[in-house]
PDB file of all heavy atoms in Angstrom:
ATOM      1  N   LEU A   1      -1.779  -3.321   8.358  1.00  0.00           N
ATOM      2  CA  LEU A   1      -3.167  -2.926   8.612  1.00  0.00           C
ATOM      3  C   LEU A   1      -3.386  -1.445   8.279  1.00  0.00           C
ATOM      4  O   LEU A   1      -4.381  -1.090   7.641  1.00  0.00           O
ATOM      5  CB  LEU A   1      -3.551  -3.214  10.069  1.00  0.00           C
ATOM      6  CG  LEU A   1      -4.991  -2.943  10.465  1.00  0.00           C
ATOM      7  CD1 LEU A   1      -5.984  -3.690   9.558  1.00  0.00           C
ATOM      8  CD2 LEU A   1      -5.208  -3.328  11.922  1.00  0.00           C
ATOM      9  N   HIS A   2      -2.467  -0.587   8.679  1.00  0.00           N
ATOM     10  CA  HIS A   2      -2.568   0.836   8.310  1.00  0.00           C
ATOM     11  C   HIS A   2      -2.603   0.985   6.787  1.00  0.00           C
ATOM     12  O   HIS A   2      -3.399   1.751   6.244  1.00  0.00           O
ATOM     13  CB  HIS A   2      -1.373   1.632   8.854  1.00  0.00           C
ATOM     14  CG  HIS A   2      -1.404   1.884  10.325  1.00  0.00           C
ATOM     15  ND1 HIS A   2      -0.641   1.163  11.208  1.00  0.00           N
ATOM     16  CD2 HIS A   2      -2.087   2.787  11.060  1.00  0.00           C
ATOM     17  CE1 HIS A   2      -0.856   1.616  12.428  1.00  0.00           C
ATOM     18  NE2 HIS A   2      -1.733   2.599  12.366  1.00  0.00           N
ATOM     19  N   ASP A   3      -1.730   0.244   6.099  1.00  0.00           N
ATOM     20  CA  ASP A   3      -1.679   0.339   4.633  1.00  0.00           C
ATOM     21  C   ASP A   3      -2.969  -0.155   3.987  1.00  0.00           C
ATOM     22  O   ASP A   3      -3.472   0.456   3.042  1.00  0.00           O
ATOM     23  CB  ASP A   3      -0.479  -0.436   4.086  1.00  0.00           C
ATOM     24  CG  ASP A   3       0.850   0.223   4.431  1.00  0.00           C
ATOM     25  OD1 ASP A   3       0.865   1.429   4.764  1.00  0.00           O
ATOM     26  OD2 ASP A   3       1.874  -0.478   4.369  1.00  0.00           O
ATOM     27  N   ALA A   4      -3.505  -1.271   4.485  1.00  0.00           N
ATOM     28  CA  ALA A   4      -4.760  -1.809   3.934  1.00  0.00           C
ATOM     29  C   ALA A   4      -5.903  -0.810   4.132  1.00  0.00           C
ATOM     30  O   ALA A   4      -6.727  -0.609   3.239  1.00  0.00           O
ATOM     31  CB  ALA A   4      -5.089  -3.147   4.591  1.00  0.00           C
ATOM     32  N   ILE A   5      -5.930  -0.162   5.296  1.00  0.00           N
ATOM     33  CA  ILE A   5      -6.947   0.854   5.573  1.00  0.00           C
ATOM     34  C   ILE A   5      -6.791   2.031   4.615  1.00  0.00           C
ATOM     35  O   ILE A   5      -7.763   2.495   4.014  1.00  0.00           O
ATOM     36  CB  ILE A   5      -6.861   1.318   7.043  1.00  0.00           C
ATOM     37  CG1 ILE A   5      -7.317   0.192   7.974  1.00  0.00           C
ATOM     38  CG2 ILE A   5      -7.680   2.595   7.260  1.00  0.00           C
ATOM     39  CD1 ILE A   5      -6.970   0.415   9.434  1.00  0.00           C
ATOM     40  N   ALA A   6      -5.568   2.510   4.450  1.00  0.00           N
ATOM     41  CA  ALA A   6      -5.315   3.675   3.593  1.00  0.00           C
ATOM     42  C   ALA A   6      -5.711   3.420   2.153  1.00  0.00           C
ATOM     43  O   ALA A   6      -6.225   4.311   1.474  1.00  0.00           O
ATOM     44  CB  ALA A   6      -3.841   4.060   3.664  1.00  0.00           C
ATOM     45  N   LYS A   7      -5.496   2.201   1.675  1.00  0.00           N
ATOM     46  CA  LYS A   7      -5.775   1.875   0.279  1.00  0.00           C
ATOM     47  C   LYS A   7      -7.202   1.364   0.065  1.00  0.00           C
ATOM     48  O   LYS A   7      -7.605   1.108  -1.057  1.00  0.00           O
ATOM     49  CB  LYS A   7      -4.777   0.831  -0.202  1.00  0.00           C
ATOM     50  CG  LYS A   7      -3.332   1.279  -0.088  1.00  0.00           C
ATOM     51  CD  LYS A   7      -2.621   1.195  -1.383  1.00  0.00           C
ATOM     52  CE  LYS A   7      -1.160   1.459  -1.332  1.00  0.00           C
ATOM     53  NZ  LYS A   7      -0.679   2.688  -0.835  1.00  0.00           N
ATOM     54  N   GLY A   8      -7.960   1.194   1.148  1.00  0.00           N
ATOM     55  CA  GLY A   8      -9.332   0.719   1.032  1.00  0.00           C
ATOM     56  C   GLY A   8      -9.439  -0.741   0.631  1.00  0.00           C
ATOM     57  O   GLY A   8     -10.422  -1.146   0.019  1.00  0.00           O
ATOM     58  N   HIS A   9      -8.448  -1.535   1.001  1.00  0.00           N
ATOM     59  CA  HIS A   9      -8.450  -2.971   0.678  1.00  0.00           C
ATOM     60  C   HIS A   9      -9.180  -3.741   1.786  1.00  0.00           C
ATOM     61  O   HIS A   9      -8.567  -4.224   2.742  1.00  0.00           O
ATOM     62  CB  HIS A   9      -7.028  -3.501   0.507  1.00  0.00           C
ATOM     63  CG  HIS A   9      -6.323  -2.994  -0.705  1.00  0.00           C
ATOM     64  ND1 HIS A   9      -6.834  -3.140  -1.979  1.00  0.00           N
ATOM     65  CD2 HIS A   9      -5.149  -2.338  -0.842  1.00  0.00           C
ATOM     66  CE1 HIS A   9      -6.009  -2.597  -2.847  1.00  0.00           C
ATOM     67  NE2 HIS A   9      -4.979  -2.083  -2.187  1.00  0.00           N
ATOM     68  N   ASP A  10     -10.486  -3.838   1.640  1.00  0.00           N
ATOM     69  CA  ASP A  10     -11.322  -4.467   2.660  1.00  0.00           C
ATOM     70  C   ASP A  10     -10.947  -5.926   2.907  1.00  0.00           C
ATOM     71  O   ASP A  10     -10.932  -6.368   4.060  1.00  0.00           O
ATOM     72  CB  ASP A  10     -12.801  -4.373   2.277  1.00  0.00           C
ATOM     73  CG  ASP A  10     -13.292  -2.934   2.202  1.00  0.00           C
ATOM     74  OD1 ASP A  10     -12.590  -2.031   2.697  1.00  0.00           O
ATOM     75  OD2 ASP A  10     -14.385  -2.725   1.647  1.00  0.00           O
ATOM     76  N   ARG A  11     -10.644  -6.663   1.857  1.00  0.00           N
ATOM     77  CA  ARG A  11     -10.266  -8.072   2.042  1.00  0.00           C
ATOM     78  C   ARG A  11      -8.974  -8.189   2.833  1.00  0.00           C
ATOM     79  O   ARG A  11      -8.846  -9.055   3.689  1.00  0.00           O
ATOM     80  CB  ARG A  11     -10.130  -8.790   0.692  1.00  0.00           C
ATOM     81  CG  ARG A  11     -11.492  -9.070   0.062  1.00  0.00           C
ATOM     82  CD  ARG A  11     -11.402  -9.848  -1.210  1.00  0.00           C
ATOM     83  NE  ARG A  11     -10.815 -11.165  -1.009  1.00  0.00           N
ATOM     84  CZ  ARG A  11     -10.379 -11.935  -1.991  1.00  0.00           C
ATOM     85  NH1 ARG A  11     -10.474 -11.531  -3.245  1.00  0.00           N
ATOM     86  NH2 ARG A  11      -9.868 -13.117  -1.749  1.00  0.00           N
ATOM     87  N   ALA A  12      -8.023  -7.305   2.572  1.00  0.00           N
ATOM     88  CA  ALA A  12      -6.767  -7.322   3.323  1.00  0.00           C
ATOM     89  C   ALA A  12      -7.019  -6.973   4.792  1.00  0.00           C
ATOM     90  O   ALA A  12      -6.425  -7.578   5.688  1.00  0.00           O
ATOM     91  CB  ALA A  12      -5.758  -6.374   2.699  1.00  0.00           C
ATOM     92  N   VAL A  13      -7.902  -6.018   5.036  1.00  0.00           N
ATOM     93  CA  VAL A  13      -8.262  -5.678   6.412  1.00  0.00           C
ATOM     94  C   VAL A  13      -8.824  -6.911   7.108  1.00  0.00           C
ATOM     95  O   VAL A  13      -8.433  -7.243   8.231  1.00  0.00           O
ATOM     96  CB  VAL A  13      -9.275  -4.501   6.456  1.00  0.00           C
ATOM     97  CG1 VAL A  13      -9.873  -4.329   7.849  1.00  0.00           C
ATOM     98  CG2 VAL A  13      -8.616  -3.209   5.994  1.00  0.00           C
ATOM     99  N   ASN A  14      -9.732  -7.621   6.453  1.00  0.00           N
ATOM    100  CA  ASN A  14     -10.312  -8.846   7.027  1.00  0.00           C
ATOM    101  C   ASN A  14      -9.249  -9.897   7.315  1.00  0.00           C
ATOM    102  O   ASN A  14      -9.250 -10.512   8.381  1.00  0.00           O
ATOM    103  CB  ASN A  14     -11.350  -9.445   6.070  1.00  0.00           C
ATOM    104  CG  ASN A  14     -12.754  -9.068   6.442  1.00  0.00           C
ATOM    105  OD1 ASN A  14     -13.043  -8.685   7.567  1.00  0.00           O
ATOM    106  ND2 ASN A  14     -13.644  -9.158   5.477  1.00  0.00           N
ATOM    107  N   ILE A  15      -8.365 -10.111   6.364  1.00  0.00           N
ATOM    108  CA  ILE A  15      -7.310 -11.118   6.533  1.00  0.00           C
ATOM    109  C   ILE A  15      -6.425 -10.749   7.721  1.00  0.00           C
ATOM    110  O   ILE A  15      -6.126 -11.594   8.576  1.00  0.00           O
ATOM    111  CB  ILE A  15      -6.480 -11.263   5.238  1.00  0.00           C
ATOM    112  CG1 ILE A  15      -7.327 -11.877   4.125  1.00  0.00           C
ATOM    113  CG2 ILE A  15      -5.216 -12.086   5.480  1.00  0.00           C
ATOM    114  CD1 ILE A  15      -6.734 -11.745   2.728  1.00  0.00           C
ATOM    115  N   LEU A  16      -6.000  -9.504   7.771  1.00  0.00           N
ATOM    116  CA  LEU A  16      -5.113  -9.068   8.856  1.00  0.00           C
ATOM    117  C   LEU A  16      -5.806  -9.129  10.212  1.00  0.00           C
ATOM    118  O   LEU A  16      -5.215  -9.577  11.198  1.00  0.00           O
ATOM    119  CB  LEU A  16      -4.589  -7.661   8.578  1.00  0.00           C
ATOM    120  CG  LEU A  16      -3.603  -7.589   7.415  1.00  0.00           C
ATOM    121  CD1 LEU A  16      -3.481  -6.163   6.897  1.00  0.00           C
ATOM    122  CD2 LEU A  16      -2.243  -8.145   7.834  1.00  0.00           C
ATOM    123  N   LEU A  17      -7.069  -8.717  10.280  1.00  0.00           N
ATOM    124  CA  LEU A  17      -7.784  -8.754  11.556  1.00  0.00           C
ATOM    125  C   LEU A  17      -8.087 -10.175  12.024  1.00  0.00           C
ATOM    126  O   LEU A  17      -8.321 -10.391  13.213  1.00  0.00           O
ATOM    127  CB  LEU A  17      -9.072  -7.931  11.477  1.00  0.00           C
ATOM    128  CG  LEU A  17      -8.870  -6.419  11.425  1.00  0.00           C
ATOM    129  CD1 LEU A  17     -10.217  -5.712  11.271  1.00  0.00           C
ATOM    130  CD2 LEU A  17      -8.129  -5.916  12.649  1.00  0.00           C
ATOM    131  N   SER A  18      -8.050 -11.125  11.109  1.00  0.00           N
ATOM    132  CA  SER A  18      -8.281 -12.514  11.519  1.00  0.00           C
ATOM    133  C   SER A  18      -7.012 -13.186  12.026  1.00  0.00           C
ATOM    134  O   SER A  18      -7.061 -14.288  12.570  1.00  0.00           O
ATOM    135  CB  SER A  18      -8.878 -13.320  10.361  1.00  0.00           C
ATOM    136  OG  SER A  18      -7.924 -13.480   9.334  1.00  0.00           O
ATOM    137  N   HIS A  19      -5.867 -12.526  11.874  1.00  0.00           N
ATOM    138  CA  HIS A  19      -4.598 -13.102  12.346  1.00  0.00           C
ATOM    139  C   HIS A  19      -4.578 -13.075  13.882  1.00  0.00           C
ATOM    140  O   HIS A  19      -4.898 -12.045  14.492  1.00  0.00           O
ATOM    141  CB  HIS A  19      -3.413 -12.305  11.789  1.00  0.00           C
ATOM    142  CG  HIS A  19      -2.123 -13.001  11.957  1.00  0.00           C
ATOM    143  ND1 HIS A  19      -1.411 -12.990  13.131  1.00  0.00           N
ATOM    144  CD2 HIS A  19      -1.406 -13.766  11.100  1.00  0.00           C
ATOM    145  CE1 HIS A  19      -0.316 -13.691  13.000  1.00  0.00           C
ATOM    146  NE2 HIS A  19      -0.288 -14.182  11.761  1.00  0.00           N
ATOM    147  N   PRO A  20      -4.204 -14.189  14.511  1.00  0.00           N
ATOM    148  CA  PRO A  20      -4.258 -14.244  15.979  1.00  0.00           C
ATOM    149  C   PRO A  20      -3.302 -13.275  16.685  1.00  0.00           C
ATOM    150  O   PRO A  20      -3.538 -12.926  17.844  1.00  0.00           O
ATOM    151  CB  PRO A  20      -3.897 -15.700  16.296  1.00  0.00           C
ATOM    152  CG  PRO A  20      -3.224 -16.221  15.084  1.00  0.00           C
ATOM    153  CD  PRO A  20      -3.761 -15.438  13.917  1.00  0.00           C
ATOM    154  N   ASN A  21      -2.252 -12.831  16.019  1.00  0.00           N
ATOM    155  CA  ASN A  21      -1.274 -11.952  16.664  1.00  0.00           C
ATOM    156  C   ASN A  21      -1.386 -10.485  16.256  1.00  0.00           C
ATOM    157  O   ASN A  21      -0.496  -9.695  16.564  1.00  0.00           O
ATOM    158  CB  ASN A  21       0.148 -12.440  16.363  1.00  0.00           C
ATOM    159  CG  ASN A  21       0.396 -13.811  16.920  1.00  0.00           C
ATOM    160  OD1 ASN A  21      -0.148 -14.179  17.947  1.00  0.00           O
ATOM    161  ND2 ASN A  21       1.200 -14.591  16.233  1.00  0.00           N
ATOM    162  N   ILE A  22      -2.468 -10.127  15.587  1.00  0.00           N
ATOM    163  CA  ILE A  22      -2.598  -8.736  15.138  1.00  0.00           C
ATOM    164  C   ILE A  22      -2.691  -7.804  16.349  1.00  0.00           C
ATOM    165  O   ILE A  22      -3.380  -8.086  17.316  1.00  0.00           O
ATOM    166  CB  ILE A  22      -3.818  -8.536  14.192  1.00  0.00           C
ATOM    167  CG1 ILE A  22      -3.762  -7.186  13.479  1.00  0.00           C
ATOM    168  CG2 ILE A  22      -5.119  -8.723  14.923  1.00  0.00           C
ATOM    169  CD1 ILE A  22      -2.718  -7.079  12.428  1.00  0.00           C
ATOM    170  N   ASN A  23      -1.950  -6.711  16.284  1.00  0.00           N
ATOM    171  CA  ASN A  23      -1.974  -5.709  17.345  1.00  0.00           C
ATOM    172  C   ASN A  23      -2.679  -4.479  16.789  1.00  0.00           C
ATOM    173  O   ASN A  23      -2.127  -3.772  15.949  1.00  0.00           O
ATOM    174  CB  ASN A  23      -0.550  -5.374  17.790  1.00  0.00           C
ATOM    175  CG  ASN A  23      -0.514  -4.389  18.926  1.00  0.00           C
ATOM    176  OD1 ASN A  23      -1.485  -3.708  19.221  1.00  0.00           O
ATOM    177  ND2 ASN A  23       0.621  -4.289  19.585  1.00  0.00           N
ATOM    178  N   MET A  24      -3.867  -4.225  17.264  1.00  0.00           N
ATOM    179  CA  MET A  24      -4.677  -3.123  16.754  1.00  0.00           C
ATOM    180  C   MET A  24      -4.409  -1.808  17.483  1.00  0.00           C
ATOM    181  O   MET A  24      -5.091  -0.825  17.260  1.00  0.00           O
ATOM    182  CB  MET A  24      -6.158  -3.480  16.852  1.00  0.00           C
ATOM    183  CG  MET A  24      -6.525  -4.675  16.008  1.00  0.00           C
ATOM    184  SD  MET A  24      -8.238  -5.161  16.224  1.00  0.00           S
ATOM    185  CE  MET A  24      -8.273  -5.581  17.959  1.00  0.00           C
ATOM    186  N   THR A  25      -3.395  -1.801  18.369  1.00  0.00           N
ATOM    187  CA  THR A  25      -3.099  -0.592  19.131  1.00  0.00           C
ATOM    188  C   THR A  25      -1.790   0.066  18.706  1.00  0.00           C
ATOM    189  O   THR A  25      -1.430   1.110  19.256  1.00  0.00           O
ATOM    190  CB  THR A  25      -3.043  -0.888  20.644  1.00  0.00           C
ATOM    191  OG1 THR A  25      -1.975  -1.802  20.907  1.00  0.00           O
ATOM    192  CG2 THR A  25      -4.368  -1.464  21.128  1.00  0.00           C
ATOM    193  N   LEU A  26      -1.092  -0.499  17.739  1.00  0.00           N
ATOM    194  CA  LEU A  26       0.158   0.109  17.282  1.00  0.00           C
ATOM    195  C   LEU A  26      -0.131   1.440  16.619  1.00  0.00           C
ATOM    196  O   LEU A  26      -1.054   1.563  15.821  1.00  0.00           O
ATOM    197  CB  LEU A  26       0.874  -0.816  16.294  1.00  0.00           C
ATOM    198  CG  LEU A  26       1.453  -2.098  16.888  1.00  0.00           C
ATOM    199  CD1 LEU A  26       2.020  -2.982  15.781  1.00  0.00           C
ATOM    200  CD2 LEU A  26       2.524  -1.778  17.921  1.00  0.00           C
ATOM    201  N   VAL A  27       0.664   2.435  16.939  1.00  0.00           N
ATOM    202  CA  VAL A  27       0.439   3.770  16.390  1.00  0.00           C
ATOM    203  C   VAL A  27       1.505   4.143  15.380  1.00  0.00           C
ATOM    204  O   VAL A  27       2.650   3.719  15.477  1.00  0.00           O
ATOM    205  CB  VAL A  27       0.361   4.845  17.494  1.00  0.00           C
ATOM    206  CG1 VAL A  27      -0.841   4.619  18.380  1.00  0.00           C
ATOM    207  CG2 VAL A  27       1.638   4.893  18.314  1.00  0.00           C
ATOM    208  N   LYS A  28       1.089   4.943  14.429  1.00  0.00           N
ATOM    209  CA  LYS A  28       2.005   5.520  13.440  1.00  0.00           C
ATOM    210  C   LYS A  28       2.795   6.638  14.114  1.00  0.00           C
ATOM    211  O   LYS A  28       2.473   7.039  15.229  1.00  0.00           O
ATOM    212  CB  LYS A  28       1.209   6.123  12.283  1.00  0.00           C
ATOM    213  CG  LYS A  28       0.337   5.174  11.524  1.00  0.00           C
ATOM    214  CD  LYS A  28      -0.679   5.878  10.639  1.00  0.00           C
ATOM    215  CE  LYS A  28      -0.166   6.946   9.759  1.00  0.00           C
ATOM    216  NZ  LYS A  28       0.263   6.576   8.434  1.00  0.00           N
ATOM    217  N   LYS A  29       3.781   7.173  13.426  1.00  0.00           N
ATOM    218  CA  LYS A  29       4.551   8.292  13.975  1.00  0.00           C
ATOM    219  C   LYS A  29       3.664   9.477  14.328  1.00  0.00           C
ATOM    220  O   LYS A  29       3.948  10.214  15.250  1.00  0.00           O
ATOM    221  CB  LYS A  29       5.623   8.743  12.979  1.00  0.00           C
ATOM    222  CG  LYS A  29       6.883   7.961  13.073  1.00  0.00           C
ATOM    223  CD  LYS A  29       7.966   8.637  12.269  1.00  0.00           C
ATOM    224  CE  LYS A  29       9.264   7.880  12.439  1.00  0.00           C
ATOM    225  NZ  LYS A  29      10.323   8.476  11.632  1.00  0.00           N
ATOM    226  N   LYS A  30       2.579   9.651  13.599  1.00  0.00           N
ATOM    227  CA  LYS A  30       1.674  10.771  13.870  1.00  0.00           C
ATOM    228  C   LYS A  30       0.645  10.415  14.939  1.00  0.00           C
ATOM    229  O   LYS A  30      -0.361  11.097  15.093  1.00  0.00           O
ATOM    230  CB  LYS A  30       0.999  11.230  12.587  1.00  0.00           C
ATOM    231  CG  LYS A  30       1.993  11.834  11.618  1.00  0.00           C
ATOM    232  CD  LYS A  30       1.323  12.397  10.407  1.00  0.00           C
ATOM    233  CE  LYS A  30       2.376  13.014   9.508  1.00  0.00           C
ATOM    234  NZ  LYS A  30       1.824  13.576   8.306  1.00  0.00           N
ATOM    235  N   ASP A  31       0.886   9.316  15.666  1.00  0.00           N
ATOM    236  CA  ASP A  31       0.074   8.949  16.830  1.00  0.00           C
ATOM    237  C   ASP A  31      -1.312   8.397  16.476  1.00  0.00           C
ATOM    238  O   ASP A  31      -2.232   8.497  17.270  1.00  0.00           O
ATOM    239  CB  ASP A  31      -0.057  10.173  17.754  1.00  0.00           C
ATOM    240  CG  ASP A  31      -0.226   9.814  19.221  1.00  0.00           C
ATOM    241  OD1 ASP A  31       0.069   8.667  19.600  1.00  0.00           O
ATOM    242  OD2 ASP A  31      -0.662  10.686  19.988  1.00  0.00           O
ATOM    243  N   PHE A  32      -1.469   7.836  15.268  1.00  0.00           N
ATOM    244  CA  PHE A  32      -2.750   7.251  14.872  1.00  0.00           C
ATOM    245  C   PHE A  32      -2.722   5.736  15.018  1.00  0.00           C
ATOM    246  O   PHE A  32      -1.920   5.066  14.373  1.00  0.00           O
ATOM    247  CB  PHE A  32      -3.060   7.560  13.395  1.00  0.00           C
ATOM    248  CG  PHE A  32      -3.352   8.992  13.104  1.00  0.00           C
ATOM    249  CD1 PHE A  32      -2.427   9.793  12.463  1.00  0.00           C
ATOM    250  CD2 PHE A  32      -4.574   9.544  13.459  1.00  0.00           C
ATOM    251  CE1 PHE A  32      -2.699  11.116  12.178  1.00  0.00           C
ATOM    252  CE2 PHE A  32      -4.858  10.870  13.177  1.00  0.00           C
ATOM    253  CZ  PHE A  32      -3.917  11.655  12.540  1.00  0.00           C
ATOM    254  N   HIS A  33      -3.620   5.196  15.843  1.00  0.00           N
ATOM    255  CA  HIS A  33      -3.804   3.749  15.857  1.00  0.00           C
ATOM    256  C   HIS A  33      -4.768   3.404  14.718  1.00  0.00           C
ATOM    257  O   HIS A  33      -5.382   4.299  14.124  1.00  0.00           O
ATOM    258  CB  HIS A  33      -4.283   3.249  17.221  1.00  0.00           C
ATOM    259  CG  HIS A  33      -5.592   3.803  17.683  1.00  0.00           C
ATOM    260  ND1 HIS A  33      -6.792   3.397  17.162  1.00  0.00           N
ATOM    261  CD2 HIS A  33      -5.882   4.735  18.613  1.00  0.00           C
ATOM    262  CE1 HIS A  33      -7.776   4.035  17.749  1.00  0.00           C
ATOM    263  NE2 HIS A  33      -7.246   4.867  18.643  1.00  0.00           N
ATOM    264  N   PRO A  34      -4.892   2.130  14.354  1.00  0.00           N
ATOM    265  CA  PRO A  34      -5.683   1.780  13.166  1.00  0.00           C
ATOM    266  C   PRO A  34      -7.129   2.300  13.151  1.00  0.00           C
ATOM    267  O   PRO A  34      -7.597   2.741  12.106  1.00  0.00           O
ATOM    268  CB  PRO A  34      -5.637   0.253  13.146  1.00  0.00           C
ATOM    269  CG  PRO A  34      -4.300  -0.063  13.737  1.00  0.00           C
ATOM    270  CD  PRO A  34      -4.151   0.959  14.852  1.00  0.00           C
ATOM    271  N   LEU A  35      -7.822   2.277  14.284  1.00  0.00           N
ATOM    272  CA  LEU A  35      -9.204   2.773  14.268  1.00  0.00           C
ATOM    273  C   LEU A  35      -9.230   4.272  13.998  1.00  0.00           C
ATOM    274  O   LEU A  35     -10.045   4.759  13.206  1.00  0.00           O
ATOM    275  CB  LEU A  35      -9.925   2.458  15.586  1.00  0.00           C
ATOM    276  CG  LEU A  35     -11.364   2.957  15.676  1.00  0.00           C
ATOM    277  CD1 LEU A  35     -12.242   2.329  14.579  1.00  0.00           C
ATOM    278  CD2 LEU A  35     -11.940   2.672  17.052  1.00  0.00           C
ATOM    279  N   MET A  36      -8.336   5.006  14.626  1.00  0.00           N
ATOM    280  CA  MET A  36      -8.276   6.448  14.401  1.00  0.00           C
ATOM    281  C   MET A  36      -7.914   6.740  12.941  1.00  0.00           C
ATOM    282  O   MET A  36      -8.488   7.624  12.310  1.00  0.00           O
ATOM    283  CB  MET A  36      -7.249   7.076  15.337  1.00  0.00           C
ATOM    284  CG  MET A  36      -7.306   8.572  15.390  1.00  0.00           C
ATOM    285  SD  MET A  36      -6.294   9.218  16.716  1.00  0.00           S
ATOM    286  CE  MET A  36      -7.291   8.779  18.132  1.00  0.00           C
ATOM    287  N   PHE A  37      -6.985   5.955  12.405  1.00  0.00           N
ATOM    288  CA  PHE A  37      -6.571   6.135  11.017  1.00  0.00           C
ATOM    289  C   PHE A  37      -7.726   5.819  10.068  1.00  0.00           C
ATOM    290  O   PHE A  37      -7.956   6.531   9.094  1.00  0.00           O
ATOM    291  CB  PHE A  37      -5.355   5.257  10.732  1.00  0.00           C
ATOM    292  CG  PHE A  37      -4.689   5.544   9.431  1.00  0.00           C
ATOM    293  CD1 PHE A  37      -4.176   6.797   9.139  1.00  0.00           C
ATOM    294  CD2 PHE A  37      -4.555   4.548   8.482  1.00  0.00           C
ATOM    295  CE1 PHE A  37      -3.551   7.064   7.924  1.00  0.00           C
ATOM    296  CE2 PHE A  37      -3.937   4.797   7.263  1.00  0.00           C
ATOM    297  CZ  PHE A  37      -3.443   6.055   6.985  1.00  0.00           C
ATOM    298  N   ALA A  38      -8.491   4.766  10.378  1.00  0.00           N
ATOM    299  CA  ALA A  38      -9.653   4.408   9.547  1.00  0.00           C
ATOM    300  C   ALA A  38     -10.700   5.521   9.575  1.00  0.00           C
ATOM    301  O   ALA A  38     -11.298   5.843   8.544  1.00  0.00           O
ATOM    302  CB  ALA A  38     -10.255   3.088  10.032  1.00  0.00           C
ATOM    303  N   ALA A  39     -10.909   6.133  10.745  1.00  0.00           N
ATOM    304  CA  ALA A  39     -11.859   7.246  10.843  1.00  0.00           C
ATOM    305  C   ALA A  39     -11.360   8.439  10.035  1.00  0.00           C
ATOM    306  O   ALA A  39     -12.131   9.077   9.321  1.00  0.00           O
ATOM    307  CB  ALA A  39     -12.070   7.636  12.300  1.00  0.00           C
ATOM    308  N   LEU A  40     -10.064   8.726  10.137  1.00  0.00           N
ATOM    309  CA  LEU A  40      -9.478   9.836   9.396  1.00  0.00           C
ATOM    310  C   LEU A  40      -9.600   9.614   7.890  1.00  0.00           C
ATOM    311  O   LEU A  40      -9.907  10.538   7.140  1.00  0.00           O
ATOM    312  CB  LEU A  40      -8.006   9.997   9.783  1.00  0.00           C
ATOM    313  CG  LEU A  40      -7.250  11.111   9.090  1.00  0.00           C
ATOM    314  CD1 LEU A  40      -7.744  12.468   9.577  1.00  0.00           C
ATOM    315  CD2 LEU A  40      -5.768  10.970   9.334  1.00  0.00           C
ATOM    316  N   LYS A  41      -9.387   8.379   7.432  1.00  0.00           N
ATOM    317  CA  LYS A  41      -9.430   8.045   6.006  1.00  0.00           C
ATOM    318  C   LYS A  41     -10.847   7.777   5.506  1.00  0.00           C
ATOM    319  O   LYS A  41     -11.054   7.468   4.338  1.00  0.00           O
ATOM    320  CB  LYS A  41      -8.554   6.820   5.720  1.00  0.00           C
ATOM    321  CG  LYS A  41      -7.081   7.088   5.873  1.00  0.00           C
ATOM    322  CD  LYS A  41      -6.636   8.053   4.819  1.00  0.00           C
ATOM    323  CE  LYS A  41      -5.153   8.269   4.813  1.00  0.00           C
ATOM    324  NZ  LYS A  41      -4.743   9.198   3.771  1.00  0.00           N
ATOM    325  N   GLU A  42     -11.831   7.885   6.397  1.00  0.00           N
ATOM    326  CA  GLU A  42     -13.245   7.637   6.066  1.00  0.00           C
ATOM    327  C   GLU A  42     -13.463   6.226   5.526  1.00  0.00           C
ATOM    328  O   GLU A  42     -14.258   5.999   4.622  1.00  0.00           O
ATOM    329  CB  GLU A  42     -13.769   8.701   5.097  1.00  0.00           C
ATOM    330  CG  GLU A  42     -15.263   8.826   5.099  1.00  0.00           C
ATOM    331  CD  GLU A  42     -15.776  10.003   4.286  1.00  0.00           C
ATOM    332  OE1 GLU A  42     -14.996  10.622   3.531  1.00  0.00           O
ATOM    333  OE2 GLU A  42     -16.972  10.296   4.397  1.00  0.00           O
TER     334      GLU A  42
END
């Protein structure tokens, strides 16, 4: 999900977010969860 956000792959974001086991709270080493990372990457 972080990678799809970074690369701007909207379809991949949709596919990953539709997965029943997706964890949207996992953070990168720099302490960014996916929403924060998406905001940072605009």
